[in-house]
Amino acid sequence: MAGFMRKNYIGQILLGALLSGVLTAQTYGQGLPYPVSNSKAETSKTYTIGNYGLSGSSSLFTHSLVNRNVLSNGFVCLTLEIPEKNLVCFEYLVRCGVSQEGSNLQGFNNLILKMLSDRITADSENDDVVEITGSVVEDGASQDFCRISIVTAANNGAFMLRRLCRAVSQGEFSSEEVERARKSILGIVGESSGTSGRLYDIFLSAFYRLHPYKRSTQSVPVILKRLTAEEVNAYYRKNFTSDRSVLTVAGKFNVKSTVDTVKEYCQKLKPSSEKIIEVQWEPQAVEKEVYLYSQSELAWVLVGYQAPELQSPDYPAMQIIYGALGAGLSSRLWTELRENRGLAYEVGARYPDLVGPSHLLCHVITKPTSAGVARRRILSEIERLKKEGMNREELAETKEKLAGAFLAERESLSGRALHLSMAELAGAGGDSETSYLKNLQAVTSEDIKRVADKYLREPTIIIARPGGRLYWDW
């Protein structure tokens, strides 16, 4: 999940006076999607997912049970017990991304996440609870979600859970909280983006144009400086609602006490009064090129195409295309541009998991005089993929590489909990984690050619290199 996190190293202890409640129970087996409940009755359902080695076995045939509890206000709590780990992880996600911010509110999500993290990590005497207990707290905003992640020792889990739930349900932010968060963010704006981040933002703006994804997740200083506490609270009430929120708890913990704590605090949250409007979008059917001058002595070449969203049936095939083109040292672009031709200092690609229309972006860092030939070689490799597809050996190797990356992301508690939360908010269903590997294995070479021909058209190209020079690219 890319561009998602800001870190604080935090520690905390926990107590636990907990409420209990009676939930109706149903069991959902592996392969059955769980329904989204519109009723006001609390529900609890259980579904099965692959264990992916978290309990000490690397076998995909071992499984864990995820309990899905839905409060009457729509707030979802997922629990995954892994008692072999003496840790507990909390992943709190809200379906609130750049689409909700709007151009005049850019950076509100970062500000709110900073204030929520401050509520979690500072006690009444302003001591850093995180440092005291040695926990890790992270927060960050992406195109689709806002996220707070906490990892702590199992004996501190109840305390950290209570602090998280209390921070979320506490209500509106004071003027003092807003001012502290504003000063903190203004002090670091632009520090972490670097050349790569800035060029990526330029690509998004050129590629998406009229879609909300064109906006950066970075905060805008002029907006931060003029916002008021009233505006922030109005935005918080509208978007950080119970029915757009999910909390996943994974590791060693008491399920009943955890669910009772979530109910005690998060039942206070209000559901949204309006639905999220998904923006329909298709890229302009024309190739777009942007040429930039920089102070760097290197050249950057970015070539991007439209790509299917997370829920699309074309998603697995595009994942394989991404893996074959630019993921790792065995990828086509690495082999062709760096090993065979010595054109690149760095080669890579990205294909973000988005609820809305995504993109496949290939990049090369090269000499300024080699930018033109690097651009042509990228386009040539993509045309070759569209025409020839992939042979059986390359297809099998790429599937194995992607499956390994998939499992590696879920070896940690936070990785497992994050992906469960994302699947919940994206509406992917309880079997999405397990079905991904099956769908990946089912992709054929003909699927690759079909999906490549469908999406890899009319690229958006960004070339950035030193100014004050004349370049002959042909």
Protein backbone atom coordinates (compact mmCIF):
# COMPACT_ATOMS: atom_id res chain seq x y z
CA MET A 1 0.00 0.00 0.00
CA ALA A 2 2.00 2.70 -1.02
CA GLY A 3 2.19 6.33 0.45
CA PHE A 4 0.28 5.01 3.40
CA MET A 5 2.21 5.56 6.59
CA ARG A 6 3.77 7.96 9.06
CA LYS A 7 5.52 6.27 12.01
CA ASN A 8 5.55 6.89 15.72
CA TYR A 9 7.19 4.42 18.07
CA ILE A 10 4.77 4.05 20.86
CA GLY A 11 4.18 2.01 23.94
CA GLN A 12 1.24 1.47 26.16
CA ILE A 13 -0.27 -0.60 28.93
CA LEU A 14 -3.89 -1.70 29.23
CA LEU A 15 -6.74 -2.19 31.59
CA GLY A 16 -10.06 -3.60 30.88
CA ALA A 17 -13.49 -2.87 32.36
CA LEU A 18 -15.52 -4.21 29.46
CA LEU A 19 -19.14 -4.39 28.46
CA SER A 20 -20.64 -7.57 27.14
CA GLY A 21 -23.37 -8.06 24.55
CA VAL A 22 -25.37 -10.79 22.94
CA LEU A 23 -24.73 -11.25 19.22
CA THR A 24 -26.55 -13.52 16.81
CA ALA A 25 -24.11 -15.94 15.20
CA GLN A 26 -23.86 -17.53 11.76
CA THR A 27 -20.98 -19.41 10.22
CA TYR A 28 -19.62 -18.76 6.75
CA GLY A 29 -17.33 -21.35 5.24
CA GLN A 30 -14.38 -20.74 2.97
CA GLY A 31 -15.44 -19.49 -0.46
CA LEU A 32 -18.64 -17.80 0.69
CA PRO A 33 -18.69 -13.99 0.61
CA TYR A 34 -20.15 -12.34 3.66
CA PRO A 35 -23.07 -10.00 3.06
CA VAL A 36 -23.04 -6.35 4.06
CA SER A 37 -25.74 -5.90 6.64
CA ASN A 38 -28.12 -2.98 6.32
CA SER A 39 -30.11 -3.94 9.38
CA LYS A 40 -29.70 -2.25 12.75
CA ALA A 41 -29.31 -5.55 14.58
CA GLU A 42 -25.83 -6.54 15.72
CA THR A 43 -24.45 -9.58 13.94
CA SER A 44 -21.50 -11.91 14.27
CA LYS A 45 -20.29 -14.18 11.46
CA THR A 46 -17.27 -16.43 11.03
CA TYR A 47 -15.34 -17.22 7.84
CA THR A 48 -12.18 -19.16 7.06
CA ILE A 49 -8.93 -17.91 5.52
CA GLY A 50 -5.57 -19.49 4.70
CA ASN A 51 -3.14 -19.34 7.60
CA TYR A 52 -0.10 -18.54 5.38
CA GLY A 53 2.42 -19.79 7.94
CA LEU A 54 1.48 -17.42 10.78
CA SER A 55 0.99 -20.25 13.25
CA GLY A 56 4.35 -21.81 12.51
CA SER A 57 3.42 -23.75 9.38
CA SER A 58 3.99 -22.58 5.83
CA SER A 59 1.23 -24.80 4.49
CA LEU A 60 -1.56 -23.05 2.65
CA PHE A 61 -3.88 -25.82 3.77
CA THR A 62 -3.93 -24.66 7.38
CA HIS A 63 -6.62 -22.11 8.16
CA SER A 64 -7.67 -19.47 10.65
CA LEU A 65 -11.15 -18.32 11.57
CA VAL A 66 -12.03 -14.65 11.23
CA ASN A 67 -14.97 -13.46 13.30
CA ARG A 68 -16.88 -10.56 11.72
CA ASN A 69 -18.89 -8.48 14.20
CA VAL A 70 -21.13 -5.70 12.92
CA LEU A 71 -22.49 -3.20 15.42
CA SER A 72 -25.97 -1.76 14.98
CA ASN A 73 -24.47 1.48 13.60
CA GLY A 74 -22.58 -0.43 10.88
CA PHE A 75 -19.12 -0.39 12.51
CA VAL A 76 -17.25 -3.62 11.66
CA CYS A 77 -14.81 -5.41 13.94
CA LEU A 78 -12.85 -8.36 12.54
CA THR A 79 -10.97 -10.63 14.96
CA LEU A 80 -8.29 -13.16 14.03
CA GLU A 81 -6.80 -15.15 16.90
CA ILE A 82 -3.18 -16.28 16.47
CA PRO A 83 -2.19 -17.17 20.05
CA GLU A 84 1.26 -18.43 19.03
CA LYS A 85 2.28 -14.81 18.52
CA ASN A 86 2.84 -12.92 21.76
CA LEU A 87 1.76 -9.74 19.98
CA VAL A 88 -1.48 -8.08 19.01
CA CYS A 89 -2.10 -5.78 16.04
CA PHE A 90 -4.92 -3.30 15.47
CA GLU A 91 -5.68 -2.03 11.96
CA TYR A 92 -8.27 0.75 11.90
CA LEU A 93 -9.33 1.79 8.39
CA VAL A 94 -11.87 4.34 7.19
CA ARG A 95 -13.19 4.48 3.64
CA CYS A 96 -12.13 8.08 3.22
CA GLY A 97 -9.55 8.99 0.60
CA VAL A 98 -8.71 11.81 -1.77
CA SER A 99 -12.16 11.53 -3.37
CA GLN A 100 -13.73 12.74 -0.14
CA GLU A 101 -11.23 15.54 0.44
CA GLY A 102 -11.81 17.55 -2.73
CA SER A 103 -9.27 20.02 -4.08
CA ASN A 104 -10.09 22.65 -1.44
CA LEU A 105 -9.74 20.21 1.47
CA GLN A 106 -6.52 18.42 0.46
CA GLY A 107 -4.62 17.37 3.57
CA PHE A 108 -7.63 17.14 5.92
CA ASN A 109 -7.16 13.37 6.20
CA ASN A 110 -3.52 13.74 7.26
CA LEU A 111 -4.49 16.35 9.84
CA ILE A 112 -7.24 14.20 11.34
CA LEU A 113 -5.00 11.13 11.47
CA LYS A 114 -2.32 13.14 13.23
CA MET A 115 -4.82 14.30 15.87
CA LEU A 116 -6.16 10.78 16.38
CA SER A 117 -2.61 9.44 16.77
CA ASP A 118 -1.84 12.18 19.29
CA ARG A 119 -4.91 11.16 21.30
CA ILE A 120 -3.66 7.58 21.33
CA THR A 121 -0.04 8.29 22.17
CA ALA A 122 -0.14 11.12 24.74
CA ASP A 123 -1.62 10.71 28.22
CA SER A 124 -3.14 13.42 30.42
CA GLU A 125 0.34 14.57 31.53
CA ASN A 126 1.63 14.59 27.91
CA ASP A 127 3.87 11.58 28.50
CA ASP A 128 4.43 9.46 25.41
CA VAL A 129 2.53 6.27 26.20
CA VAL A 130 4.06 4.63 23.16
CA GLU A 131 7.60 5.09 24.35
CA ILE A 132 6.66 3.81 27.79
CA THR A 133 5.33 0.51 26.46
CA GLY A 134 7.45 0.04 23.34
CA SER A 135 4.55 -0.25 20.92
CA VAL A 136 4.50 0.91 17.29
CA VAL A 137 1.82 3.29 16.04
CA GLU A 138 1.57 4.32 12.39
CA ASP A 139 -0.92 6.40 10.45
CA GLY A 140 -1.34 7.41 6.83
CA ALA A 141 -3.75 8.33 4.06
CA SER A 142 -4.06 6.76 0.61
CA GLN A 143 -6.30 7.26 -2.42
CA ASP A 144 -9.11 5.22 -0.84
CA PHE A 145 -8.46 4.84 2.89
CA CYS A 146 -7.31 6.46 6.10
CA ARG A 147 -5.39 4.12 8.37
CA ILE A 148 -4.13 3.83 11.94
CA SER A 149 -2.02 0.77 12.79
CA ILE A 150 -0.87 -0.34 16.24
CA VAL A 151 1.39 -3.27 17.14
CA THR A 152 2.05 -4.01 20.79
CA ALA A 153 2.88 -6.82 23.19
CA ALA A 154 -0.07 -9.06 24.02
CA ASN A 155 -0.09 -7.94 27.68
CA ASN A 156 -0.54 -4.32 26.51
CA GLY A 157 -3.26 -5.13 23.98
CA ALA A 158 -6.33 -4.27 26.03
CA PHE A 159 -4.89 -0.91 27.06
CA MET A 160 -3.94 0.04 23.50
CA LEU A 161 -7.32 -1.04 22.18
CA ARG A 162 -9.08 1.16 24.71
CA ARG A 163 -6.93 4.15 23.78
CA LEU A 164 -7.62 3.62 20.08
CA CYS A 165 -11.37 3.24 20.51
CA ARG A 166 -11.54 6.20 22.88
CA ALA A 167 -9.60 8.39 20.43
CA VAL A 168 -11.92 7.49 17.56
CA SER A 169 -15.14 7.91 19.53
CA GLN A 170 -14.13 10.95 21.58
CA GLY A 171 -15.84 13.34 19.21
CA GLU A 172 -14.86 16.69 17.84
CA PHE A 173 -11.37 18.14 17.94
CA SER A 174 -10.58 21.23 19.96
CA SER A 175 -8.94 24.31 18.48
CA GLU A 176 -5.82 23.43 20.47
CA GLU A 177 -5.65 19.94 18.92
CA VAL A 178 -6.04 21.38 15.43
CA GLU A 179 -3.33 23.98 16.00
CA ARG A 180 -0.83 21.45 17.38
CA ALA A 181 -1.40 19.08 14.47
CA ARG A 182 -1.22 21.93 11.95
CA LYS A 183 2.16 23.08 13.23
CA SER A 184 3.51 19.53 13.29
CA ILE A 185 2.49 18.76 9.69
CA LEU A 186 3.62 22.14 8.34
CA GLY A 187 7.03 21.40 9.83
CA ILE A 188 7.47 18.25 7.73
CA VAL A 189 5.51 18.97 4.52
CA GLY A 190 7.51 17.86 1.50
CA GLU A 191 10.32 16.28 3.54
CA SER A 192 9.63 12.67 2.65
CA SER A 193 8.34 12.85 -0.91
CA GLY A 194 11.68 13.30 -2.73
CA THR A 195 12.07 13.30 -6.51
CA SER A 196 10.20 10.02 -6.89
CA GLY A 197 7.20 11.24 -4.89
CA ARG A 198 7.00 14.58 -6.67
CA LEU A 199 7.16 12.99 -10.12
CA TYR A 200 4.52 10.45 -9.11
CA ASP A 201 2.20 13.30 -8.10
CA ILE A 202 2.81 14.94 -11.50
CA PHE A 203 2.00 11.67 -13.22
CA LEU A 204 -1.26 11.26 -11.28
CA SER A 205 -2.32 14.79 -12.18
CA ALA A 206 -1.60 14.25 -15.89
CA PHE A 207 -3.02 10.73 -16.02
CA TYR A 208 -6.30 11.09 -14.12
CA ARG A 209 -7.08 14.70 -15.06
CA LEU A 210 -10.79 14.89 -14.05
CA HIS A 211 -10.83 11.98 -11.59
CA PRO A 212 -10.24 12.62 -7.84
CA TYR A 213 -7.27 10.23 -7.88
CA LYS A 214 -5.33 13.00 -9.62
CA ARG A 215 -4.85 14.66 -6.23
CA SER A 216 -1.84 13.90 -4.09
CA THR A 217 -2.22 12.46 -0.60
CA GLN A 218 0.32 15.05 0.57
CA SER A 219 -0.85 18.05 2.60
CA VAL A 220 -1.00 21.48 0.96
CA PRO A 221 0.48 24.23 3.19
CA VAL A 222 -1.85 27.02 2.01
CA ILE A 223 -4.91 24.87 2.82
CA LEU A 224 -3.51 23.82 6.20
CA LYS A 225 -2.81 27.41 7.18
CA ARG A 226 -6.31 28.70 6.51
CA LEU A 227 -8.48 25.80 7.73
CA THR A 228 -10.52 26.17 10.93
CA ALA A 229 -11.49 23.72 13.65
CA GLU A 230 -15.13 24.03 12.55
CA GLU A 231 -14.26 22.95 8.99
CA VAL A 232 -12.18 20.01 10.22
CA ASN A 233 -14.92 18.80 12.55
CA ALA A 234 -17.57 19.09 9.84
CA TYR A 235 -15.38 16.98 7.54
CA TYR A 236 -14.75 14.45 10.34
CA ARG A 237 -18.47 14.07 11.11
CA LYS A 238 -19.30 13.59 7.43
CA ASN A 239 -16.61 11.07 6.49
CA PHE A 240 -15.24 9.27 9.56
CA THR A 241 -18.53 7.51 10.20
CA SER A 242 -19.32 4.15 11.75
CA ASP A 243 -20.54 2.49 8.55
CA ARG A 244 -17.33 3.43 6.70
CA SER A 245 -15.02 2.07 9.41
CA VAL A 246 -13.47 -1.31 10.15
CA LEU A 247 -11.17 -2.42 12.95
CA THR A 248 -9.25 -5.67 12.55
CA VAL A 249 -7.58 -7.23 15.59
CA ALA A 250 -5.04 -10.01 15.01
CA GLY A 251 -2.74 -11.91 17.34
CA LYS A 252 -3.00 -13.02 20.95
CA PHE A 253 -6.01 -11.48 22.72
CA ASN A 254 -9.36 -12.27 24.32
CA VAL A 255 -12.02 -12.11 21.62
CA LYS A 256 -14.99 -11.44 23.89
CA SER A 257 -13.27 -8.67 25.83
CA THR A 258 -12.07 -7.11 22.59
CA VAL A 259 -15.52 -7.07 20.99
CA ASP A 260 -17.05 -5.71 24.21
CA THR A 261 -14.54 -2.85 24.30
CA VAL A 262 -15.23 -1.99 20.66
CA LYS A 263 -18.96 -1.98 21.39
CA GLU A 264 -18.53 0.19 24.47
CA TYR A 265 -16.83 2.99 22.56
CA CYS A 266 -17.57 2.64 18.85
CA GLN A 267 -21.31 2.21 19.26
CA LYS A 268 -21.32 5.97 19.94
CA LEU A 269 -20.26 6.72 16.36
CA LYS A 270 -22.91 7.89 13.91
CA PRO A 271 -23.48 6.31 10.48
CA SER A 272 -23.18 8.35 7.31
CA SER A 273 -26.19 10.28 6.03
CA GLU A 274 -25.11 9.87 2.38
CA LYS A 275 -23.53 7.25 0.17
CA ILE A 276 -20.04 7.43 -1.29
CA ILE A 277 -20.34 8.40 -4.95
CA GLU A 278 -17.94 6.46 -7.15
CA VAL A 279 -16.69 8.64 -10.02
CA GLN A 280 -16.96 6.97 -13.43
CA TRP A 281 -13.83 7.62 -15.46
CA GLU A 282 -11.97 6.55 -18.54
CA PRO A 283 -8.59 7.94 -19.60
CA GLN A 284 -8.50 10.28 -22.54
CA ALA A 285 -7.86 8.26 -25.71
CA VAL A 286 -4.67 10.08 -26.63
CA GLU A 287 -1.03 9.67 -25.68
CA LYS A 288 0.14 12.35 -23.24
CA GLU A 289 3.76 13.39 -22.76
CA VAL A 290 5.13 15.81 -20.17
CA TYR A 291 8.74 17.05 -20.33
CA LEU A 292 10.29 18.60 -17.22
CA TYR A 293 13.63 20.14 -16.36
CA SER A 294 15.21 19.46 -12.99
CA GLN A 295 18.39 20.25 -11.06
CA SER A 296 19.27 16.58 -10.81
CA GLU A 297 22.08 15.12 -12.90
CA LEU A 298 19.92 12.08 -13.66
CA ALA A 299 16.93 11.55 -15.91
CA TRP A 300 13.62 9.96 -14.93
CA VAL A 301 11.36 8.26 -17.47
CA LEU A 302 7.83 7.32 -16.36
CA VAL A 303 5.43 5.43 -18.65
CA GLY A 304 1.94 4.79 -17.30
CA TYR A 305 -1.20 3.03 -18.54
CA GLN A 306 -4.72 2.48 -17.30
CA ALA A 307 -5.19 -0.71 -15.25
CA PRO A 308 -8.19 -2.52 -13.74
CA GLU A 309 -9.48 -1.84 -10.24
CA LEU A 310 -9.14 -4.31 -7.37
CA GLN A 311 -12.53 -5.96 -7.96
CA SER A 312 -12.16 -6.33 -11.72
CA PRO A 313 -11.97 -9.85 -13.22
CA ASP A 314 -8.97 -8.54 -15.19
CA TYR A 315 -7.06 -7.77 -11.98
CA PRO A 316 -5.17 -11.12 -11.70
CA ALA A 317 -3.96 -10.94 -15.31
CA MET A 318 -2.77 -7.35 -14.88
CA GLN A 319 -0.97 -8.40 -11.71
CA ILE A 320 0.98 -10.91 -13.80
CA ILE A 321 1.69 -8.28 -16.46
CA TYR A 322 3.03 -6.00 -13.73
CA GLY A 323 5.14 -8.82 -12.32
CA ALA A 324 6.57 -9.74 -15.71
CA LEU A 325 7.37 -6.19 -16.76
CA GLY A 326 8.81 -4.53 -13.69
CA ALA A 327 8.70 -6.51 -10.44
CA GLY A 328 12.14 -7.67 -9.35
CA LEU A 329 15.49 -8.45 -10.94
CA SER A 330 14.05 -11.09 -13.26
CA SER A 331 11.54 -8.72 -14.88
CA ARG A 332 11.62 -7.91 -18.59
CA LEU A 333 12.44 -4.24 -18.12
CA TRP A 334 15.30 -4.97 -15.72
CA THR A 335 16.74 -7.59 -18.04
CA GLU A 336 16.40 -5.52 -21.21
CA LEU A 337 17.26 -2.01 -19.98
CA ARG A 338 19.83 -2.72 -17.30
CA GLU A 339 21.46 -6.09 -17.96
CA ASN A 340 21.34 -6.23 -21.78
CA ARG A 341 21.72 -2.54 -22.66
CA GLY A 342 23.18 -0.89 -19.55
CA LEU A 343 20.67 1.95 -19.84
CA ALA A 344 19.35 2.16 -16.30
CA TYR A 345 20.53 2.87 -12.77
CA GLU A 346 17.12 1.81 -11.49
CA VAL A 347 14.13 0.08 -13.08
CA GLY A 348 10.75 -0.70 -11.56
CA ALA A 349 6.98 -0.67 -11.80
CA ARG A 350 3.97 -0.18 -9.59
CA TYR A 351 0.35 -1.30 -9.80
CA PRO A 352 -1.57 -0.02 -6.76
CA ASP A 353 -4.63 -1.84 -5.41
CA LEU A 354 -7.38 0.76 -5.81
CA VAL A 355 -11.14 0.61 -5.36
CA GLY A 356 -11.47 2.80 -8.45
CA PRO A 357 -9.54 2.86 -11.75
CA SER A 358 -5.90 1.98 -11.23
CA HIS A 359 -2.72 2.39 -13.27
CA LEU A 360 0.38 0.47 -14.23
CA LEU A 361 3.42 2.75 -14.02
CA CYS A 362 6.90 1.75 -15.23
CA HIS A 363 9.90 3.92 -14.39
CA VAL A 364 13.58 4.11 -15.29
CA ILE A 365 16.36 6.27 -13.84
CA THR A 366 19.05 6.76 -16.47
CA LYS A 367 21.57 9.19 -17.96
CA PRO A 368 20.00 12.38 -19.37
CA THR A 369 21.20 11.52 -22.87
CA SER A 370 19.67 8.02 -22.61
CA ALA A 371 16.13 9.09 -21.72
CA GLY A 372 14.87 8.90 -25.29
CA VAL A 373 16.17 5.39 -25.95
CA ALA A 374 14.95 4.21 -22.52
CA ARG A 375 11.47 5.49 -23.39
CA ARG A 376 11.53 3.62 -26.71
CA ARG A 377 12.72 0.39 -25.10
CA ILE A 378 9.93 0.47 -22.49
CA LEU A 379 7.31 1.00 -25.19
CA SER A 380 8.89 -1.74 -27.29
CA GLU A 381 8.76 -4.28 -24.45
CA ILE A 382 5.12 -3.47 -23.80
CA GLU A 383 4.24 -3.88 -27.48
CA ARG A 384 6.06 -7.21 -27.53
CA LEU A 385 4.04 -8.38 -24.53
CA LYS A 386 0.80 -7.36 -26.22
CA LYS A 387 1.73 -9.20 -29.41
CA GLU A 388 3.39 -12.34 -28.06
CA GLY A 389 1.97 -12.73 -24.57
CA MET A 390 4.05 -14.93 -22.25
CA ASN A 391 5.36 -18.44 -22.75
CA ARG A 392 4.52 -21.18 -20.28
CA GLU A 393 7.81 -20.94 -18.37
CA GLU A 394 7.71 -17.16 -17.89
CA LEU A 395 4.04 -17.30 -16.89
CA ALA A 396 4.71 -19.96 -14.26
CA GLU A 397 7.74 -18.11 -12.87
CA THR A 398 5.82 -14.83 -12.62
CA LYS A 399 2.91 -16.51 -10.85
CA GLU A 400 5.36 -18.04 -8.37
CA LYS A 401 7.01 -14.65 -7.79
CA LEU A 402 3.68 -12.90 -7.16
CA ALA A 403 2.42 -15.69 -4.89
CA GLY A 404 5.61 -15.37 -2.85
CA ALA A 405 5.16 -11.61 -2.51
CA PHE A 406 1.51 -12.13 -1.54
CA LEU A 407 2.44 -14.54 1.23
CA ALA A 408 5.35 -12.42 2.43
CA GLU A 409 3.04 -9.43 2.90
CA ARG A 410 0.85 -11.58 5.17
CA GLU A 411 3.59 -13.14 7.28
CA SER A 412 3.32 -10.27 9.77
CA LEU A 413 0.29 -9.61 11.95
CA SER A 414 -0.03 -6.08 10.63
CA GLY A 415 0.11 -7.29 7.02
CA ARG A 416 -2.59 -9.86 7.63
CA ALA A 417 -4.82 -7.44 9.52
CA LEU A 418 -4.34 -4.63 6.98
CA HIS A 419 -5.39 -6.77 4.03
CA LEU A 420 -8.43 -8.10 5.90
CA SER A 421 -9.51 -4.53 6.64
CA MET A 422 -8.96 -3.44 3.05
CA ALA A 423 -10.95 -6.39 1.69
CA GLU A 424 -13.80 -5.53 4.05
CA LEU A 425 -14.00 -1.88 3.02
CA ALA A 426 -13.55 -2.68 -0.67
CA GLY A 427 -16.46 -5.12 -0.51
CA ALA A 428 -14.27 -7.98 -1.70
CA GLY A 429 -15.90 -10.62 0.52
CA GLY A 430 -14.63 -13.00 3.13
CA ASP A 431 -12.98 -15.35 0.64
CA SER A 432 -10.97 -12.73 -1.25
CA GLU A 433 -7.70 -13.50 0.51
CA THR A 434 -7.94 -17.17 -0.41
CA SER A 435 -9.38 -16.74 -3.90
CA TYR A 436 -6.55 -14.42 -5.02
CA LEU A 437 -4.05 -17.26 -5.35
CA LYS A 438 -6.58 -19.45 -7.15
CA ASN A 439 -7.44 -16.68 -9.60
CA LEU A 440 -3.75 -16.00 -10.17
CA GLN A 441 -3.08 -19.62 -11.08
CA ALA A 442 -6.03 -19.66 -13.49
CA VAL A 443 -4.60 -16.89 -15.73
CA THR A 444 -3.53 -18.09 -19.20
CA SER A 445 -1.24 -16.61 -21.83
CA GLU A 446 -4.32 -15.69 -23.87
CA ASP A 447 -5.64 -13.77 -20.85
CA ILE A 448 -2.37 -11.86 -20.74
CA LYS A 449 -2.62 -10.85 -24.40
CA ARG A 450 -6.29 -9.88 -24.05
CA VAL A 451 -5.80 -7.75 -20.93
CA ALA A 452 -2.59 -6.17 -22.26
CA ASP A 453 -4.32 -5.20 -25.50
CA LYS A 454 -7.32 -3.84 -23.60
CA TYR A 455 -5.46 -1.62 -21.12
CA LEU A 456 -1.95 -0.90 -22.39
CA ARG A 457 -2.93 1.84 -24.83
CA GLU A 458 -2.25 5.59 -25.10
CA PRO A 459 0.43 5.89 -22.41
CA THR A 460 1.05 8.90 -20.22
CA ILE A 461 4.78 9.64 -20.34
CA ILE A 462 6.79 11.85 -17.98
CA ILE A 463 10.45 12.66 -18.74
CA ALA A 464 12.42 14.76 -16.26
CA ARG A 465 16.11 15.65 -16.74
CA PRO A 466 18.58 18.50 -16.25
CA GLY A 467 17.75 21.78 -17.96
CA GLY A 468 19.99 24.08 -20.01
CA ARG A 469 21.04 21.33 -22.41
CA LEU A 470 20.06 20.20 -25.90
CA TYR A 471 19.01 16.56 -26.18
CA TRP A 472 18.83 14.46 -29.36
CA ASP A 473 16.51 11.57 -28.56
CA TRP A 474 16.38 9.88 -31.95
